[in-house]
Amino acid sequence: MAALLKPWEIRILNERSPLHTVTLRLPDRVLSILRRPSEEIVQILRVAAAAHWYERGVLAQDKALEIAGVERSEFFEFLGQDQESEPDA
């Protein structure tokens, strides 16, 4: 039987695949406050994580965009930056 995750725990799975699955469990009350479909929340979290790592210099721009799964203009809009001011790393 799989261990139950606490609402704030993250589990990273890799079944010998080039892609990893990250599971983030959120309490129902949090999801009801957000009032967004699960797919939209996942996309927002991907962009937020990519932006976090990009701004700290952990990821180059191309990798951040790959994780975020959005166009360059949308990514820099999220960052609140003019995309022309950011050189490609």
N, C-alpha and C. Protein backbone atom coordinates (compact mmCIF):
# COMPACT_ATOMS: atom_id res chain seq x y z
N MET A 1 0.84 -1.17 0.00
CA MET A 1 0.00 0.00 0.00
C MET A 1 0.89 1.24 0.00
N ALA A 2 0.56 2.22 -0.84
CA ALA A 2 1.35 3.45 -0.95
C ALA A 2 1.16 4.31 0.29
N ALA A 3 2.23 4.95 0.71
CA ALA A 3 2.15 5.85 1.86
C ALA A 3 1.35 7.08 1.48
N LEU A 4 0.56 7.56 2.40
CA LEU A 4 -0.22 8.76 2.16
C LEU A 4 0.67 9.98 2.28
N LEU A 5 0.48 10.92 1.38
CA LEU A 5 1.24 12.16 1.43
C LEU A 5 0.50 13.19 2.26
N LYS A 6 1.25 13.96 2.99
CA LYS A 6 0.66 15.11 3.68
C LYS A 6 0.36 16.15 2.61
N PRO A 7 -0.57 17.07 2.86
CA PRO A 7 -0.96 18.04 1.84
C PRO A 7 0.19 18.87 1.27
N TRP A 8 1.28 19.03 1.98
CA TRP A 8 2.37 19.87 1.51
C TRP A 8 3.56 19.08 0.99
N GLU A 9 3.46 17.78 0.95
CA GLU A 9 4.57 16.96 0.48
C GLU A 9 4.59 16.87 -1.04
N ILE A 10 5.79 16.72 -1.58
CA ILE A 10 5.97 16.55 -3.02
C ILE A 10 6.68 15.22 -3.25
N ARG A 11 6.20 14.47 -4.20
CA ARG A 11 6.81 13.18 -4.56
C ARG A 11 7.24 13.27 -6.01
N ILE A 12 8.47 12.91 -6.29
CA ILE A 12 8.97 12.91 -7.65
C ILE A 12 9.13 11.46 -8.09
N LEU A 13 8.49 11.12 -9.19
CA LEU A 13 8.52 9.75 -9.71
C LEU A 13 9.26 9.73 -11.03
N ASN A 14 10.02 8.69 -11.25
CA ASN A 14 10.67 8.48 -12.53
C ASN A 14 10.71 6.99 -12.78
N GLU A 15 9.86 6.54 -13.63
CA GLU A 15 9.78 5.12 -13.98
C GLU A 15 10.69 4.86 -15.19
N ARG A 16 11.98 5.17 -15.04
CA ARG A 16 12.96 5.00 -16.12
C ARG A 16 12.52 5.72 -17.39
N SER A 17 12.02 6.90 -17.19
CA SER A 17 11.54 7.73 -18.28
C SER A 17 12.35 9.02 -18.29
N PRO A 18 12.46 9.65 -19.46
CA PRO A 18 13.17 10.93 -19.50
C PRO A 18 12.38 12.06 -18.81
N LEU A 19 11.13 11.79 -18.51
CA LEU A 19 10.29 12.78 -17.82
C LEU A 19 10.03 12.33 -16.40
N HIS A 20 9.95 13.27 -15.51
CA HIS A 20 9.63 12.98 -14.11
C HIS A 20 8.23 13.49 -13.82
N THR A 21 7.55 12.83 -12.92
CA THR A 21 6.24 13.26 -12.47
C THR A 21 6.37 13.79 -11.06
N VAL A 22 5.89 15.00 -10.85
CA VAL A 22 5.90 15.60 -9.52
C VAL A 22 4.46 15.67 -9.05
N THR A 23 4.20 15.14 -7.88
CA THR A 23 2.86 15.16 -7.31
C THR A 23 2.81 16.17 -6.18
N LEU A 24 1.92 17.11 -6.28
CA LEU A 24 1.72 18.12 -5.25
C LEU A 24 0.28 18.00 -4.77
N ARG A 25 0.13 17.63 -3.53
CA ARG A 25 -1.22 17.48 -2.98
C ARG A 25 -1.61 18.77 -2.28
N LEU A 26 -2.77 19.29 -2.65
CA LEU A 26 -3.29 20.50 -2.04
C LEU A 26 -4.63 20.19 -1.38
N PRO A 27 -4.88 20.78 -0.23
CA PRO A 27 -6.18 20.57 0.42
C PRO A 27 -7.32 21.10 -0.45
N ASP A 28 -8.48 20.45 -0.37
CA ASP A 28 -9.64 20.86 -1.15
C ASP A 28 -9.98 22.33 -0.93
N ARG A 29 -9.81 22.80 0.30
CA ARG A 29 -10.18 24.19 0.59
C ARG A 29 -9.30 25.17 -0.21
N VAL A 30 -8.05 24.80 -0.45
CA VAL A 30 -7.17 25.65 -1.25
C VAL A 30 -7.67 25.68 -2.70
N LEU A 31 -8.00 24.52 -3.24
CA LEU A 31 -8.50 24.46 -4.61
C LEU A 31 -9.81 25.22 -4.76
N SER A 32 -10.66 25.16 -3.75
CA SER A 32 -11.93 25.88 -3.84
C SER A 32 -11.72 27.39 -3.79
N ILE A 33 -10.69 27.83 -3.09
CA ILE A 33 -10.37 29.26 -3.04
C ILE A 33 -9.85 29.73 -4.40
N LEU A 34 -9.02 28.91 -5.04
CA LEU A 34 -8.43 29.28 -6.33
C LEU A 34 -9.45 29.35 -7.45
N ARG A 35 -10.48 28.50 -7.38
CA ARG A 35 -11.56 28.48 -8.37
C ARG A 35 -11.03 28.42 -9.81
N ARG A 36 -10.11 27.52 -10.02
CA ARG A 36 -9.54 27.29 -11.35
C ARG A 36 -9.51 25.79 -11.61
N PRO A 37 -9.62 25.39 -12.87
CA PRO A 37 -9.50 23.97 -13.19
C PRO A 37 -8.11 23.45 -12.82
N SER A 38 -8.02 22.19 -12.47
CA SER A 38 -6.75 21.59 -12.09
C SER A 38 -5.67 21.78 -13.15
N GLU A 39 -6.04 21.65 -14.42
CA GLU A 39 -5.08 21.80 -15.51
C GLU A 39 -4.47 23.20 -15.51
N GLU A 40 -5.28 24.21 -15.22
CA GLU A 40 -4.79 25.59 -15.18
C GLU A 40 -3.86 25.79 -13.98
N ILE A 41 -4.18 25.20 -12.86
CA ILE A 41 -3.32 25.30 -11.68
C ILE A 41 -1.96 24.65 -11.96
N VAL A 42 -1.98 23.50 -12.61
CA VAL A 42 -0.73 22.83 -12.97
C VAL A 42 0.11 23.73 -13.86
N GLN A 43 -0.51 24.35 -14.86
CA GLN A 43 0.24 25.22 -15.77
C GLN A 43 0.82 26.42 -15.03
N ILE A 44 0.06 27.02 -14.15
CA ILE A 44 0.54 28.16 -13.37
C ILE A 44 1.73 27.74 -12.50
N LEU A 45 1.65 26.58 -11.89
CA LEU A 45 2.75 26.10 -11.05
C LEU A 45 4.00 25.80 -11.87
N ARG A 46 3.83 25.28 -13.09
CA ARG A 46 4.99 25.03 -13.96
C ARG A 46 5.69 26.34 -14.31
N VAL A 47 4.90 27.34 -14.67
CA VAL A 47 5.49 28.64 -15.02
C VAL A 47 6.15 29.27 -13.80
N ALA A 48 5.49 29.18 -12.66
CA ALA A 48 6.06 29.77 -11.43
C ALA A 48 7.37 29.09 -11.04
N ALA A 49 7.43 27.78 -11.14
CA ALA A 49 8.66 27.06 -10.81
C ALA A 49 9.78 27.43 -11.78
N ALA A 50 9.46 27.45 -13.07
CA ALA A 50 10.47 27.80 -14.08
C ALA A 50 10.97 29.22 -13.87
N ALA A 51 10.06 30.13 -13.57
CA ALA A 51 10.45 31.53 -13.33
C ALA A 51 11.34 31.64 -12.09
N HIS A 52 10.99 30.92 -11.05
CA HIS A 52 11.77 30.91 -9.82
C HIS A 52 13.20 30.48 -10.10
N TRP A 53 13.37 29.36 -10.80
CA TRP A 53 14.70 28.83 -11.08
C TRP A 53 15.46 29.70 -12.09
N TYR A 54 14.73 30.28 -13.04
CA TYR A 54 15.36 31.15 -14.03
C TYR A 54 15.90 32.42 -13.37
N GLU A 55 15.08 33.05 -12.54
CA GLU A 55 15.49 34.29 -11.89
C GLU A 55 16.68 34.10 -10.96
N ARG A 56 16.85 32.91 -10.44
CA ARG A 56 17.97 32.62 -9.55
C ARG A 56 19.19 32.10 -10.29
N GLY A 57 19.09 32.00 -11.61
CA GLY A 57 20.21 31.58 -12.41
C GLY A 57 20.45 30.09 -12.44
N VAL A 58 19.48 29.32 -11.95
CA VAL A 58 19.61 27.86 -11.95
C VAL A 58 19.36 27.30 -13.35
N LEU A 59 18.42 27.91 -14.07
CA LEU A 59 18.07 27.46 -15.41
C LEU A 59 18.39 28.52 -16.45
N ALA A 60 18.86 28.07 -17.60
CA ALA A 60 18.99 28.95 -18.76
C ALA A 60 17.59 29.20 -19.31
N GLN A 61 17.46 30.24 -20.10
CA GLN A 61 16.16 30.63 -20.64
C GLN A 61 15.48 29.50 -21.40
N ASP A 62 16.21 28.78 -22.25
CA ASP A 62 15.59 27.72 -23.05
C ASP A 62 15.03 26.60 -22.18
N LYS A 63 15.73 26.24 -21.10
CA LYS A 63 15.24 25.20 -20.21
C LYS A 63 14.05 25.69 -19.39
N ALA A 64 14.10 26.95 -18.98
CA ALA A 64 12.97 27.52 -18.23
C ALA A 64 11.71 27.52 -19.10
N LEU A 65 11.86 27.87 -20.37
CA LEU A 65 10.72 27.86 -21.28
C LEU A 65 10.19 26.45 -21.50
N GLU A 66 11.10 25.49 -21.57
CA GLU A 66 10.70 24.09 -21.74
C GLU A 66 9.87 23.61 -20.54
N ILE A 67 10.32 23.93 -19.34
CA ILE A 67 9.57 23.55 -18.14
C ILE A 67 8.24 24.28 -18.07
N ALA A 68 8.26 25.58 -18.36
CA ALA A 68 7.04 26.39 -18.27
C ALA A 68 6.00 25.95 -19.29
N GLY A 69 6.47 25.52 -20.46
CA GLY A 69 5.53 25.09 -21.50
C GLY A 69 4.73 26.22 -22.10
N VAL A 70 5.33 27.42 -22.12
CA VAL A 70 4.66 28.59 -22.69
C VAL A 70 5.60 29.28 -23.67
N GLU A 71 5.06 30.19 -24.44
CA GLU A 71 5.87 30.98 -25.36
C GLU A 71 6.73 31.96 -24.57
N ARG A 72 7.82 32.37 -25.19
CA ARG A 72 8.77 33.29 -24.56
C ARG A 72 8.09 34.56 -24.07
N SER A 73 7.23 35.16 -24.91
CA SER A 73 6.56 36.41 -24.53
C SER A 73 5.69 36.23 -23.29
N GLU A 74 4.99 35.10 -23.21
CA GLU A 74 4.14 34.83 -22.05
C GLU A 74 4.97 34.63 -20.79
N PHE A 75 6.12 33.96 -20.94
CA PHE A 75 7.00 33.72 -19.80
C PHE A 75 7.51 35.05 -19.23
N PHE A 76 7.97 35.94 -20.12
CA PHE A 76 8.49 37.22 -19.64
C PHE A 76 7.38 38.15 -19.16
N GLU A 77 6.19 37.97 -19.69
CA GLU A 77 5.04 38.71 -19.16
C GLU A 77 4.79 38.28 -17.72
N PHE A 78 4.89 36.98 -17.46
CA PHE A 78 4.73 36.46 -16.10
C PHE A 78 5.80 37.06 -15.18
N LEU A 79 7.02 37.17 -15.69
CA LEU A 79 8.11 37.74 -14.89
C LEU A 79 7.98 39.24 -14.73
N GLY A 80 7.11 39.86 -15.53
CA GLY A 80 6.96 41.31 -15.47
C GLY A 80 8.13 42.02 -16.11
N GLN A 81 8.73 41.38 -17.11
CA GLN A 81 9.90 41.95 -17.78
C GLN A 81 9.63 42.11 -19.27
N ASP A 82 10.33 43.04 -19.85
CA ASP A 82 10.33 43.20 -21.29
C ASP A 82 11.20 42.11 -21.87
N GLN A 83 10.64 41.27 -22.73
CA GLN A 83 11.40 40.14 -23.26
C GLN A 83 12.61 40.57 -24.06
N GLU A 84 12.61 41.76 -24.60
CA GLU A 84 13.76 42.23 -25.37
C GLU A 84 14.96 42.52 -24.48
N SER A 85 14.73 42.75 -23.19
CA SER A 85 15.83 43.10 -22.30
C SER A 85 16.56 41.87 -21.78
N GLU A 86 16.05 40.69 -22.06
CA GLU A 86 16.66 39.46 -21.55
C GLU A 86 17.40 38.73 -22.64
N PRO A 87 18.72 38.65 -22.56
CA PRO A 87 19.46 37.89 -23.56
C PRO A 87 19.23 36.39 -23.39
N ASP A 88 19.32 35.66 -24.48
CA ASP A 88 19.17 34.20 -24.40
C ASP A 88 20.42 33.62 -23.76
N ALA A 89 20.23 32.87 -22.68
CA ALA A 89 21.38 32.32 -21.94
C ALA A 89 21.93 31.10 -22.60
